Amino acid sequence: MTTKIPNPYLVRQLFIFSNKTLQRSLCTATATAAERQTQKLERIADELLDLNKLERRDYNVLYALKLGLNKYGATNSGLNVSGSAAEGGGSATQEAKAEKTAFDIKLEKFDAASKIKIIKEVRTFTDLGLKEAKDLVEKVPIVLKKGVTKEEANPIMEKLKELGATVVLE
């Protein structure tokens, strides 16, 4: 039978947290360095407590950005919050791309013979006037409509492809 030797750090943390008094284990050797670190932390805590509600919100956003967090969790460039993020890092980026809900319809190129039909079709889903739609179509490649769902984009793309345009969903 083998006996597992406990990690000294965990034993120290268990001892500290089992005490009712607030104690802190410091990894510095000298007492002056420990006092300076404690004073620094107390100063930071006091400054955070002095912030008003809007400043605390701004600080919270800035702190999350510095850590590499967004409102959906950790990003790949920041800290790994969960252990599963380290295991499936590649699949997380694929899921993020798959979960995209807002798309842009981009007109890459079109047949010169069907230019008028394409302008008319662009007018139907963009609510632009004739001149604005014509100017928009002539600036190929250009994003025709931003932030549409896939269900809205598919009929538009099919219609433009039938008219001889090359359309991409981004």
Protein backbone atom coordinates (compact mmCIF):
# COMPACT_ATOMS: atom_id res chain seq x y z
CA MET A 1 0.00 0.00 0.00
CA THR A 2 1.41 3.39 -1.00
CA THR A 3 0.82 6.59 0.87
CA LYS A 4 0.33 9.72 -1.13
CA ILE A 5 2.27 12.67 0.26
CA PRO A 6 0.01 15.76 0.28
CA ASN A 7 1.05 18.88 -1.54
CA PRO A 8 2.60 21.29 1.03
CA TYR A 9 0.79 24.24 -0.52
CA LEU A 10 -2.60 22.55 -0.16
CA VAL A 11 -1.84 21.59 3.43
CA ARG A 12 -0.91 25.19 4.23
CA GLN A 13 -4.09 26.50 2.53
CA LEU A 14 -6.23 23.99 4.41
CA PHE A 15 -4.65 25.08 7.69
CA ILE A 16 -5.14 28.75 6.90
CA PHE A 17 -8.79 28.39 5.87
CA SER A 18 -9.61 26.14 8.83
CA ASN A 19 -8.51 28.91 11.20
CA LYS A 20 -11.29 31.34 12.12
CA THR A 21 -8.94 34.32 12.07
CA LEU A 22 -7.99 35.83 8.75
CA GLN A 23 -4.45 34.84 7.99
CA ARG A 24 -2.54 34.96 4.80
CA SER A 25 0.33 32.89 3.55
CA LEU A 26 2.88 34.99 1.77
CA CYS A 27 5.58 33.58 -0.42
CA THR A 28 8.01 36.43 0.30
CA ALA A 29 10.82 35.86 2.76
CA THR A 30 11.03 39.24 4.47
CA ALA A 31 8.39 40.87 6.62
CA THR A 32 8.84 44.29 5.00
CA ALA A 33 8.08 42.93 1.55
CA ALA A 34 5.00 41.19 2.95
CA GLU A 35 3.87 44.42 4.60
CA ARG A 36 4.38 46.38 1.37
CA GLN A 37 2.39 43.81 -0.61
CA THR A 38 -0.41 43.87 1.96
CA GLN A 39 -0.44 47.67 1.95
CA LYS A 40 -0.57 47.69 -1.84
CA LEU A 41 -3.51 45.30 -1.89
CA GLU A 42 -5.33 47.31 0.78
CA ARG A 43 -4.74 50.52 -1.21
CA ILE A 44 -6.14 48.90 -4.37
CA ALA A 45 -9.17 47.60 -2.47
CA ASP A 46 -9.81 51.05 -0.96
CA GLU A 47 -9.58 52.70 -4.38
CA LEU A 48 -12.02 50.19 -5.83
CA LEU A 49 -14.46 50.82 -3.00
CA ASP A 50 -14.26 54.59 -3.64
CA LEU A 51 -15.43 54.23 -7.26
CA ASN A 52 -19.01 55.18 -8.13
CA LYS A 53 -21.34 52.79 -9.94
CA LEU A 54 -20.40 53.87 -13.48
CA GLU A 55 -16.67 53.78 -12.74
CA ARG A 56 -17.04 50.27 -11.25
CA ARG A 57 -18.82 49.14 -14.43
CA ASP A 58 -16.06 50.63 -16.61
CA TYR A 59 -13.43 48.99 -14.42
CA ASN A 60 -15.23 45.65 -14.66
CA VAL A 61 -15.29 45.83 -18.47
CA LEU A 62 -11.64 46.90 -18.66
CA TYR A 63 -10.57 44.15 -16.25
CA ALA A 64 -12.44 41.51 -18.24
CA LEU A 65 -10.78 42.72 -21.46
CA LYS A 66 -7.34 42.64 -19.83
CA LEU A 67 -7.98 39.03 -18.77
CA GLY A 68 -9.09 38.15 -22.29
CA LEU A 69 -12.70 37.47 -21.33
CA ASN A 70 -15.85 38.34 -23.21
CA LYS A 71 -19.46 38.02 -22.11
CA TYR A 72 -19.57 34.41 -23.35
CA GLY A 73 -16.50 33.19 -21.46
CA ALA A 74 -12.79 33.03 -22.05
CA THR A 75 -11.32 33.79 -25.43
CA ASN A 76 -8.50 31.73 -26.91
CA SER A 77 -5.98 34.52 -26.39
CA GLY A 78 -6.79 35.00 -22.71
CA LEU A 79 -6.89 32.82 -19.67
CA ASN A 80 -8.49 29.39 -19.75
CA VAL A 81 -11.26 29.58 -17.19
CA SER A 82 -12.27 25.92 -17.41
CA GLY A 83 -10.27 22.76 -17.87
CA SER A 84 -12.34 21.75 -20.87
CA ALA A 85 -11.13 24.80 -22.80
CA ALA A 86 -7.60 23.41 -22.70
CA GLU A 87 -8.76 20.04 -24.02
CA GLY A 88 -10.89 21.20 -26.94
CA GLY A 89 -9.36 24.51 -28.00
CA GLY A 90 -9.71 23.79 -31.73
CA SER A 91 -13.34 22.72 -31.52
CA ALA A 92 -14.25 25.86 -29.57
CA THR A 93 -13.25 28.08 -32.49
CA GLN A 94 -15.24 25.91 -34.89
CA GLU A 95 -18.32 26.16 -32.67
CA ALA A 96 -17.95 29.94 -32.49
CA LYS A 97 -17.99 30.14 -36.28
CA ALA A 98 -20.93 27.74 -36.50
CA GLU A 99 -22.98 29.76 -34.00
CA LYS A 100 -22.79 32.96 -36.03
CA THR A 101 -26.29 34.37 -36.43
CA ALA A 102 -25.78 37.68 -38.25
CA PHE A 103 -24.36 37.57 -41.77
CA ASP A 104 -23.42 40.04 -44.48
CA ILE A 105 -24.47 39.58 -48.09
CA LYS A 106 -21.54 40.48 -50.34
CA LEU A 107 -21.82 40.94 -54.10
CA GLU A 108 -18.54 39.73 -55.62
CA LYS A 109 -19.23 40.13 -59.37
CA PHE A 110 -22.05 39.96 -61.91
CA ASP A 111 -22.80 39.62 -65.62
CA ALA A 112 -22.82 42.95 -67.40
CA ALA A 113 -25.91 41.85 -69.36
CA SER A 114 -27.94 41.37 -66.16
CA LYS A 115 -26.84 44.60 -64.48
CA ILE A 116 -30.29 46.24 -64.68
CA LYS A 117 -32.03 43.16 -63.24
CA ILE A 118 -29.53 43.02 -60.39
CA ILE A 119 -30.05 46.73 -59.64
CA LYS A 120 -33.82 46.15 -59.49
CA GLU A 121 -33.37 43.19 -57.16
CA VAL A 122 -30.99 45.15 -54.92
CA ARG A 123 -33.62 47.88 -54.70
CA THR A 124 -36.24 45.39 -53.48
CA PHE A 125 -34.34 44.26 -50.38
CA THR A 126 -32.37 47.41 -49.56
CA ASP A 127 -35.11 50.06 -49.97
CA LEU A 128 -32.70 52.25 -51.94
CA GLY A 129 -33.56 54.52 -54.81
CA LEU A 130 -32.55 53.75 -58.38
CA LYS A 131 -29.43 55.94 -58.35
CA GLU A 132 -28.24 54.67 -54.93
CA ALA A 133 -28.78 51.03 -55.95
CA LYS A 134 -26.95 51.60 -59.25
CA ASP A 135 -24.00 53.23 -57.44
CA LEU A 136 -23.94 50.38 -54.94
CA VAL A 137 -23.91 47.66 -57.62
CA GLU A 138 -21.19 49.42 -59.59
CA LYS A 139 -18.83 49.37 -56.57
CA VAL A 140 -18.40 45.59 -56.81
CA PRO A 141 -17.18 43.84 -54.61
CA ILE A 142 -19.36 45.36 -51.89
CA VAL A 143 -21.51 44.31 -48.97
CA LEU A 144 -25.11 44.77 -49.99
CA LYS A 145 -26.77 44.11 -46.64
CA LYS A 146 -25.33 43.67 -43.16
CA GLY A 147 -26.56 41.77 -40.13
CA VAL A 148 -29.17 39.51 -41.73
CA THR A 149 -30.06 36.03 -40.56
CA LYS A 150 -29.32 33.03 -42.69
CA GLU A 151 -33.05 32.50 -43.32
CA GLU A 152 -33.36 36.05 -44.69
CA ALA A 153 -30.14 35.84 -46.70
CA ASN A 154 -30.80 32.57 -48.55
CA PRO A 155 -33.72 33.78 -50.75
CA ILE A 156 -31.83 36.98 -51.59
CA MET A 157 -28.71 35.04 -52.54
CA GLU A 158 -30.67 32.55 -54.65
CA LYS A 159 -32.42 35.33 -56.57
CA LEU A 160 -29.15 37.18 -57.25
CA LYS A 161 -27.45 33.96 -58.36
CA GLU A 162 -30.32 33.27 -60.76
CA LEU A 163 -29.69 36.70 -62.29
CA GLY A 164 -26.01 35.88 -62.87
CA ALA A 165 -24.34 37.44 -59.84
CA THR A 166 -21.69 35.89 -57.62
CA VAL A 167 -22.83 36.40 -54.02
CA VAL A 168 -21.05 35.39 -50.82
CA LEU A 169 -22.42 35.13 -47.30
CA GLU A 170 -19.90 36.40 -44.75
